[in-house]
Amino acid sequence: MKYILYIFIFTVVSLVNGQTKLDSLLQKENKQTVPYITVAELVQKQNFVLLDSRELEEYQTSHIQEAICVGYDKFKLKKIQKVLPKERDKLIIVYCSLGIRSEDIAEKLQKAGYTNVYNLYGGIFEWKNQDQIVVDAQGKETENVHTFNEDWSIWLKKGTKIFKKSTPKKE
C-alpha cells in the first residue's frame, strides 16, 4: 500500500511539474497577448478555422487534421486571407510546436481585425501528448511529429520525434 502511495505521489508531482515547466517556458517566450485554448477545449469546438504556423516540412511530417499551413518565416497575411472567414469574429485557432510562433501569427491576425483568435496551449506537442490524432501530408494517421530540433523534442512525450525527414528518434 505504501508503495502504491509513493507511485501516486510521484506521478502527480511529475505531471504538475511538467505543466509548470511548460507554463514557465510560455510565460518567458510569449507576451500573453493572445488567449490560449487547451487541447480539451479545442476537441469540443466546432465551426472554426485551424491554422498551422509551422514551416511546410513540419506540417508535411504531421499536422492536426483540417489545419491549414500558413507558415511562419514567410507568413503573408494577404495570401492567407483567401482562406480566412470574411466574418472577423469567427473562431480562429493557431498552433505551432508549443505555442510560441503561433502567438506571433495570432497577433498579426488580431492586428488585421480578427477578434476571436486563440493560441493552442502547448501546440501540436501537447495535442499529441494528449493522445490526439495527427495526419501526414497524404492525410493518413501517423505517429511522426516534427520537433523542429533535438532541444525542442523534450516537450514531445508521445509519438515519434522527427528532427529532419530522414532521422526519426523513437521514445
Protein backbone atom coordinates (compact mmCIF):
# COMPACT_ATOMS: atom_id res chain seq x y z
CA MET A 1 0.00 0.00 0.00
CA LYS A 2 2.82 2.37 0.89
CA TYR A 3 4.47 1.58 -2.46
CA ILE A 4 1.28 2.47 -4.37
CA LEU A 5 1.01 5.74 -2.47
CA TYR A 6 4.60 6.65 -3.42
CA ILE A 7 3.90 5.89 -7.07
CA PHE A 8 0.76 8.00 -6.99
CA ILE A 9 2.53 10.97 -5.37
CA PHE A 10 5.45 10.71 -7.82
CA THR A 11 3.07 10.63 -10.79
CA VAL A 12 1.09 13.65 -9.62
CA VAL A 13 4.23 15.65 -8.85
CA SER A 14 5.73 14.75 -12.24
CA LEU A 15 2.60 15.81 -14.12
CA VAL A 16 2.28 19.07 -12.21
CA ASN A 17 5.99 19.79 -12.56
CA GLY A 18 5.88 19.15 -16.33
CA GLN A 19 2.93 21.50 -16.73
CA THR A 20 4.67 24.12 -14.61
CA LYS A 21 7.77 23.92 -16.79
CA LEU A 22 5.68 24.43 -19.93
CA ASP A 23 3.87 27.32 -18.23
CA SER A 24 7.23 28.86 -17.36
CA LEU A 25 8.54 28.44 -20.90
CA LEU A 26 5.46 30.02 -22.46
CA GLN A 27 5.48 32.89 -19.95
CA LYS A 28 9.13 33.53 -20.76
CA GLU A 29 8.79 33.30 -24.56
CA ASN A 30 5.32 34.79 -25.10
CA LYS A 31 3.83 38.19 -24.40
CA GLN A 32 0.47 36.67 -23.38
CA THR A 33 -1.32 38.90 -25.92
CA VAL A 34 -3.39 36.06 -27.36
CA PRO A 35 -5.65 33.91 -25.18
CA TYR A 36 -4.89 30.21 -25.01
CA ILE A 37 -7.23 27.38 -25.82
CA THR A 38 -6.41 23.98 -24.36
CA VAL A 39 -6.49 20.68 -26.21
CA ALA A 40 -9.51 19.63 -24.12
CA GLU A 41 -11.37 22.81 -25.10
CA LEU A 42 -10.40 22.51 -28.77
CA VAL A 43 -11.72 18.97 -29.16
CA GLN A 44 -15.13 20.26 -28.00
CA LYS A 45 -15.25 23.08 -30.57
CA GLN A 46 -16.96 23.07 -33.95
CA ASN A 47 -17.03 25.51 -36.84
CA PHE A 48 -13.60 27.11 -36.59
CA VAL A 49 -10.55 27.72 -38.75
CA LEU A 50 -7.36 25.94 -37.66
CA LEU A 51 -4.05 27.44 -38.77
CA ASP A 52 -0.68 25.68 -38.51
CA SER A 53 2.07 28.29 -38.19
CA ARG A 54 4.95 25.84 -38.54
CA GLU A 55 7.04 25.54 -41.67
CA LEU A 56 5.99 23.32 -44.56
CA GLU A 57 8.39 20.46 -43.72
CA GLU A 58 6.97 20.31 -40.19
CA TYR A 59 3.39 20.43 -41.50
CA GLN A 60 4.05 17.70 -44.07
CA THR A 61 5.51 15.42 -41.41
CA SER A 62 2.28 15.74 -39.45
CA HIS A 63 -0.41 18.21 -38.56
CA ILE A 64 -3.78 18.36 -36.89
CA GLN A 65 -6.46 17.24 -39.34
CA GLU A 66 -8.15 20.11 -41.22
CA ALA A 67 -5.33 22.53 -40.33
CA ILE A 68 -4.20 24.98 -42.99
CA CYS A 69 -0.46 25.55 -43.25
CA VAL A 70 0.32 29.28 -43.14
CA GLY A 71 3.99 29.01 -42.15
CA TYR A 72 5.97 31.39 -40.03
CA ASP A 73 9.09 32.68 -41.75
CA LYS A 74 7.27 33.58 -44.96
CA PHE A 75 3.84 34.26 -43.46
CA LYS A 76 1.85 36.70 -45.62
CA LEU A 77 -1.47 37.88 -44.26
CA LYS A 78 -2.77 38.91 -47.68
CA LYS A 79 -2.05 35.45 -49.04
CA ILE A 80 -3.92 33.59 -46.29
CA GLN A 81 -6.86 35.99 -46.12
CA LYS A 82 -8.30 33.96 -49.00
CA VAL A 83 -8.81 31.04 -46.60
CA LEU A 84 -9.87 33.11 -43.60
CA PRO A 85 -13.53 33.79 -42.90
CA LYS A 86 -14.96 37.09 -44.06
CA GLU A 87 -16.62 37.42 -40.65
CA ARG A 88 -13.88 38.86 -38.42
CA ASP A 89 -15.43 37.35 -35.29
CA LYS A 90 -15.34 33.71 -36.42
CA LEU A 91 -13.22 31.43 -34.23
CA ILE A 92 -9.63 31.06 -35.46
CA ILE A 93 -7.16 28.82 -33.65
CA VAL A 94 -3.46 28.99 -34.41
CA TYR A 95 -0.87 26.44 -33.36
CA CYS A 96 2.79 25.58 -33.83
CA SER A 97 5.05 23.16 -31.97
CA LEU A 98 4.50 24.59 -28.47
CA GLY A 99 2.62 27.87 -28.84
CA ILE A 100 5.41 30.40 -29.35
CA ARG A 101 5.45 31.04 -33.12
CA SER A 102 1.66 30.73 -33.17
CA GLU A 103 1.34 33.67 -30.80
CA ASP A 104 3.19 35.87 -33.31
CA ILE A 105 0.91 34.80 -36.16
CA ALA A 106 -2.20 35.18 -33.98
CA GLU A 107 -1.10 38.73 -33.08
CA LYS A 108 -0.90 39.57 -36.79
CA LEU A 109 -4.44 38.28 -37.23
CA GLN A 110 -5.63 40.38 -34.30
CA LYS A 111 -3.97 43.48 -35.76
CA ALA A 112 -5.80 42.75 -39.02
CA GLY A 113 -9.11 42.92 -37.16
CA TYR A 114 -9.86 39.29 -36.33
CA THR A 115 -11.44 39.33 -32.88
CA ASN A 116 -11.82 35.68 -31.94
CA VAL A 117 -8.27 34.33 -32.25
CA TYR A 118 -6.76 31.76 -29.89
CA ASN A 119 -3.35 30.13 -29.46
CA LEU A 120 -3.33 26.36 -28.84
CA TYR A 121 -1.62 25.87 -25.48
CA GLY A 122 1.35 23.53 -25.92
CA GLY A 123 0.80 23.34 -29.69
CA ILE A 124 0.93 20.10 -31.63
CA PHE A 125 3.21 18.59 -28.97
CA GLU A 126 0.52 18.92 -26.31
CA TRP A 127 -2.09 17.73 -28.85
CA LYS A 128 -0.11 14.53 -29.44
CA ASN A 129 0.84 14.18 -25.75
CA GLN A 130 -2.88 14.02 -25.00
CA ASP A 131 -3.35 11.14 -27.46
CA GLN A 132 -4.95 13.16 -30.23
CA ILE A 133 -4.53 12.14 -33.88
CA VAL A 134 -2.13 13.80 -36.30
CA VAL A 135 -2.00 13.16 -40.03
CA ASP A 136 0.74 13.31 -42.62
CA ALA A 137 0.82 15.16 -45.96
CA GLN A 138 -1.41 12.46 -47.51
CA GLY A 139 -3.97 12.74 -44.70
CA LYS A 140 -3.03 9.40 -43.17
CA GLU A 141 -2.73 8.99 -39.42
CA THR A 142 0.88 8.98 -38.25
CA GLU A 143 2.91 8.85 -35.06
CA ASN A 144 5.58 11.17 -36.52
CA VAL A 145 5.82 14.70 -35.17
CA HIS A 146 8.43 17.15 -36.41
CA THR A 147 10.05 18.54 -33.28
CA PHE A 148 11.98 21.32 -35.01
CA ASN A 149 15.26 20.26 -33.35
CA GLU A 150 16.55 17.98 -30.62
CA ASP A 151 16.30 20.65 -27.90
CA TRP A 152 12.58 21.22 -28.50
CA SER A 153 11.92 17.48 -28.72
CA ILE A 154 11.96 17.17 -24.91
CA TRP A 155 8.42 18.57 -24.91
CA LEU A 156 7.01 15.74 -27.06
CA LYS A 157 6.26 12.81 -24.78
CA LYS A 158 4.30 10.60 -27.20
CA GLY A 159 4.86 9.72 -30.84
CA THR A 160 7.97 9.51 -32.98
CA LYS A 161 10.25 12.55 -32.87
CA ILE A 162 11.41 13.79 -36.26
CA PHE A 163 14.17 16.39 -36.48
CA LYS A 164 14.73 16.01 -40.19
CA LYS A 165 12.79 13.84 -42.59
CA SER A 166 15.49 11.16 -42.52
CA THR A 167 16.24 10.96 -38.77
CA PRO A 168 13.40 9.62 -36.61
CA LYS A 169 14.03 9.23 -32.88
CA LYS A 170 11.57 6.99 -31.04
CA GLU A 171 10.96 7.32 -27.30
